[in-house]
Amino acid sequence: MDKRKVLDEGRQLKRLNAETRRHAHMHKWFAIVAALDCVLVIFYDQDMRNIVFSAGVCVVCTYLWLKGRKQSRSYRREWDAKFGTKKQL
């Protein structure tokens, strides 16, 4: 009896892609909310601690969003290279 892998490579790439996209989507919304909060604090509160905190959260979440988006695209390109695109299937 030969042993099979727990997940074949195609399914594993699809799961990694979906998980990365899910995290990137969450980071995108955190960045949008933090940017909106930063703008509102600038116009209404003008407390530097709140402005710096909101801007820092926005920058970090934007970086994580773009990093996750790039990783997700690399998983998709790897899957397309190995198994073909949806149009070819």
C-alpha atoms as a PDB file:
ATOM      1  CA  MET A   1       0.000   0.000   0.000  1.00  0.00           C
ATOM      2  CA  ASP A   2       1.547   3.288  -1.011  1.00  0.00           C
ATOM      3  CA  LYS A   3       1.238   6.325   1.197  1.00  0.00           C
ATOM      4  CA  ARG A   4      -0.510   9.368  -0.165  1.00  0.00           C
ATOM      5  CA  LYS A   5       0.288  12.887   0.845  1.00  0.00           C
ATOM      6  CA  VAL A   6      -2.166  14.478   3.228  1.00  0.00           C
ATOM      7  CA  LEU A   7      -2.988  17.127   0.628  1.00  0.00           C
ATOM      8  CA  ASP A   8      -1.918  17.065  -2.958  1.00  0.00           C
ATOM      9  CA  GLU A   9       0.069  20.054  -4.130  1.00  0.00           C
ATOM     10  CA  GLY A  10      -2.754  21.706  -6.049  1.00  0.00           C
ATOM     11  CA  ARG A  11      -5.153  21.708  -3.111  1.00  0.00           C
ATOM     12  CA  GLN A  12      -2.424  22.941  -0.802  1.00  0.00           C
ATOM     13  CA  LEU A  13      -1.659  25.883  -3.108  1.00  0.00           C
ATOM     14  CA  LYS A  14      -5.355  26.745  -3.345  1.00  0.00           C
ATOM     15  CA  ARG A  15      -5.732  26.694   0.436  1.00  0.00           C
ATOM     16  CA  LEU A  16      -2.635  28.854   0.924  1.00  0.00           C
ATOM     17  CA  ASN A  17      -3.943  31.296  -1.673  1.00  0.00           C
ATOM     18  CA  ALA A  18      -7.373  31.497  -0.024  1.00  0.00           C
ATOM     19  CA  GLU A  19      -5.927  31.941   3.462  1.00  0.00           C
ATOM     20  CA  THR A  20      -3.510  34.645   2.307  1.00  0.00           C
ATOM     21  CA  ARG A  21      -6.291  36.479   0.465  1.00  0.00           C
ATOM     22  CA  ARG A  22      -8.496  36.322   3.558  1.00  0.00           C
ATOM     23  CA  HIS A  23      -5.779  37.857   5.742  1.00  0.00           C
ATOM     24  CA  ALA A  24      -4.939  40.500   3.143  1.00  0.00           C
ATOM     25  CA  HIS A  25      -8.617  41.474   2.895  1.00  0.00           C
ATOM     26  CA  MET A  26      -8.796  41.895   6.666  1.00  0.00           C
ATOM     27  CA  HIS A  27      -5.626  44.018   6.691  1.00  0.00           C
ATOM     28  CA  LYS A  28      -7.065  46.186   3.896  1.00  0.00           C
ATOM     29  CA  TRP A  29     -10.142  47.011   5.947  1.00  0.00           C
ATOM     30  CA  PHE A  30      -8.087  47.730   9.057  1.00  0.00           C
ATOM     31  CA  ALA A  31      -5.966  50.120   6.976  1.00  0.00           C
ATOM     32  CA  ILE A  32      -9.056  51.881   5.578  1.00  0.00           C
ATOM     33  CA  VAL A  33     -10.634  52.291   9.021  1.00  0.00           C
ATOM     34  CA  ALA A  34      -7.346  53.499  10.532  1.00  0.00           C
ATOM     35  CA  ALA A  35      -6.884  56.028   7.707  1.00  0.00           C
ATOM     36  CA  LEU A  36     -10.420  57.324   8.214  1.00  0.00           C
ATOM     37  CA  ASP A  37      -9.816  57.542  11.959  1.00  0.00           C
ATOM     38  CA  CYS A  38      -6.563  59.409  11.357  1.00  0.00           C
ATOM     39  CA  VAL A  39      -8.298  61.945   9.100  1.00  0.00           C
ATOM     40  CA  LEU A  40     -11.114  62.453  11.588  1.00  0.00           C
ATOM     41  CA  VAL A  41      -8.663  62.890  14.474  1.00  0.00           C
ATOM     42  CA  ILE A  42      -6.676  65.449  12.453  1.00  0.00           C
ATOM     43  CA  PHE A  43      -9.777  67.563  11.832  1.00  0.00           C
ATOM     44  CA  TYR A  44     -11.592  67.187  15.158  1.00  0.00           C
ATOM     45  CA  ASP A  45      -9.312  66.135  18.026  1.00  0.00           C
ATOM     46  CA  GLN A  46      -5.808  67.164  16.895  1.00  0.00           C
ATOM     47  CA  ASP A  47      -4.144  65.099  19.613  1.00  0.00           C
ATOM     48  CA  MET A  48      -0.734  63.980  18.320  1.00  0.00           C
ATOM     49  CA  ARG A  49      -0.789  60.664  20.181  1.00  0.00           C
ATOM     50  CA  ASN A  50      -4.008  59.608  18.465  1.00  0.00           C
ATOM     51  CA  ILE A  51      -2.839  60.865  15.080  1.00  0.00           C
ATOM     52  CA  VAL A  52       0.473  58.989  15.331  1.00  0.00           C
ATOM     53  CA  PHE A  53      -1.217  55.814  16.528  1.00  0.00           C
ATOM     54  CA  SER A  54      -3.847  55.846  13.757  1.00  0.00           C
ATOM     55  CA  ALA A  55      -1.262  56.679  11.111  1.00  0.00           C
ATOM     56  CA  GLY A  56       1.031  53.908  12.379  1.00  0.00           C
ATOM     57  CA  VAL A  57      -1.760  51.341  12.293  1.00  0.00           C
ATOM     58  CA  CYS A  58      -2.688  52.497   8.791  1.00  0.00           C
ATOM     59  CA  VAL A  59       0.902  52.209   7.515  1.00  0.00           C
ATOM     60  CA  VAL A  60       1.494  48.780   9.070  1.00  0.00           C
ATOM     61  CA  CYS A  61      -1.813  47.364   7.832  1.00  0.00           C
ATOM     62  CA  THR A  62      -1.254  48.789   4.347  1.00  0.00           C
ATOM     63  CA  TYR A  63       2.168  47.131   4.259  1.00  0.00           C
ATOM     64  CA  LEU A  64       0.708  43.806   5.430  1.00  0.00           C
ATOM     65  CA  TRP A  65      -2.115  44.084   2.880  1.00  0.00           C
ATOM     66  CA  LEU A  66       0.275  44.688  -0.020  1.00  0.00           C
ATOM     67  CA  LYS A  67       2.610  41.941   1.177  1.00  0.00           C
ATOM     68  CA  GLY A  68      -0.272  39.447   1.448  1.00  0.00           C
ATOM     69  CA  ARG A  69      -1.604  40.479  -1.954  1.00  0.00           C
ATOM     70  CA  LYS A  70       1.809  39.857  -3.501  1.00  0.00           C
ATOM     71  CA  GLN A  71       2.082  36.462  -1.785  1.00  0.00           C
ATOM     72  CA  SER A  72      -1.412  35.473  -2.887  1.00  0.00           C
ATOM     73  CA  ARG A  73      -0.606  36.376  -6.476  1.00  0.00           C
ATOM     74  CA  SER A  74       2.582  34.328  -6.332  1.00  0.00           C
ATOM     75  CA  TYR A  75       0.593  31.284  -5.123  1.00  0.00           C
ATOM     76  CA  ARG A  76      -1.896  31.783  -7.945  1.00  0.00           C
ATOM     77  CA  ARG A  77       0.891  32.120 -10.539  1.00  0.00           C
ATOM     78  CA  GLU A  78       2.571  28.994  -9.199  1.00  0.00           C
ATOM     79  CA  TRP A  79      -0.711  27.078  -9.428  1.00  0.00           C
ATOM     80  CA  ASP A  80      -1.328  28.389 -12.962  1.00  0.00           C
ATOM     81  CA  ALA A  81       2.175  27.368 -14.024  1.00  0.00           C
ATOM     82  CA  LYS A  82       1.802  23.846 -12.663  1.00  0.00           C
ATOM     83  CA  PHE A  83      -1.828  23.058 -13.382  1.00  0.00           C
ATOM     84  CA  GLY A  84      -2.950  25.556 -16.007  1.00  0.00           C
ATOM     85  CA  THR A  85      -5.319  28.483 -15.820  1.00  0.00           C
ATOM     86  CA  LYS A  86      -9.078  28.206 -15.399  1.00  0.00           C
ATOM     87  CA  LYS A  87      -9.537  28.996 -19.079  1.00  0.00           C
ATOM     88  CA  GLN A  88      -7.418  25.970 -20.047  1.00  0.00           C
ATOM     89  CA  LEU A  89      -9.378  23.597 -17.806  1.00  0.00           C
END
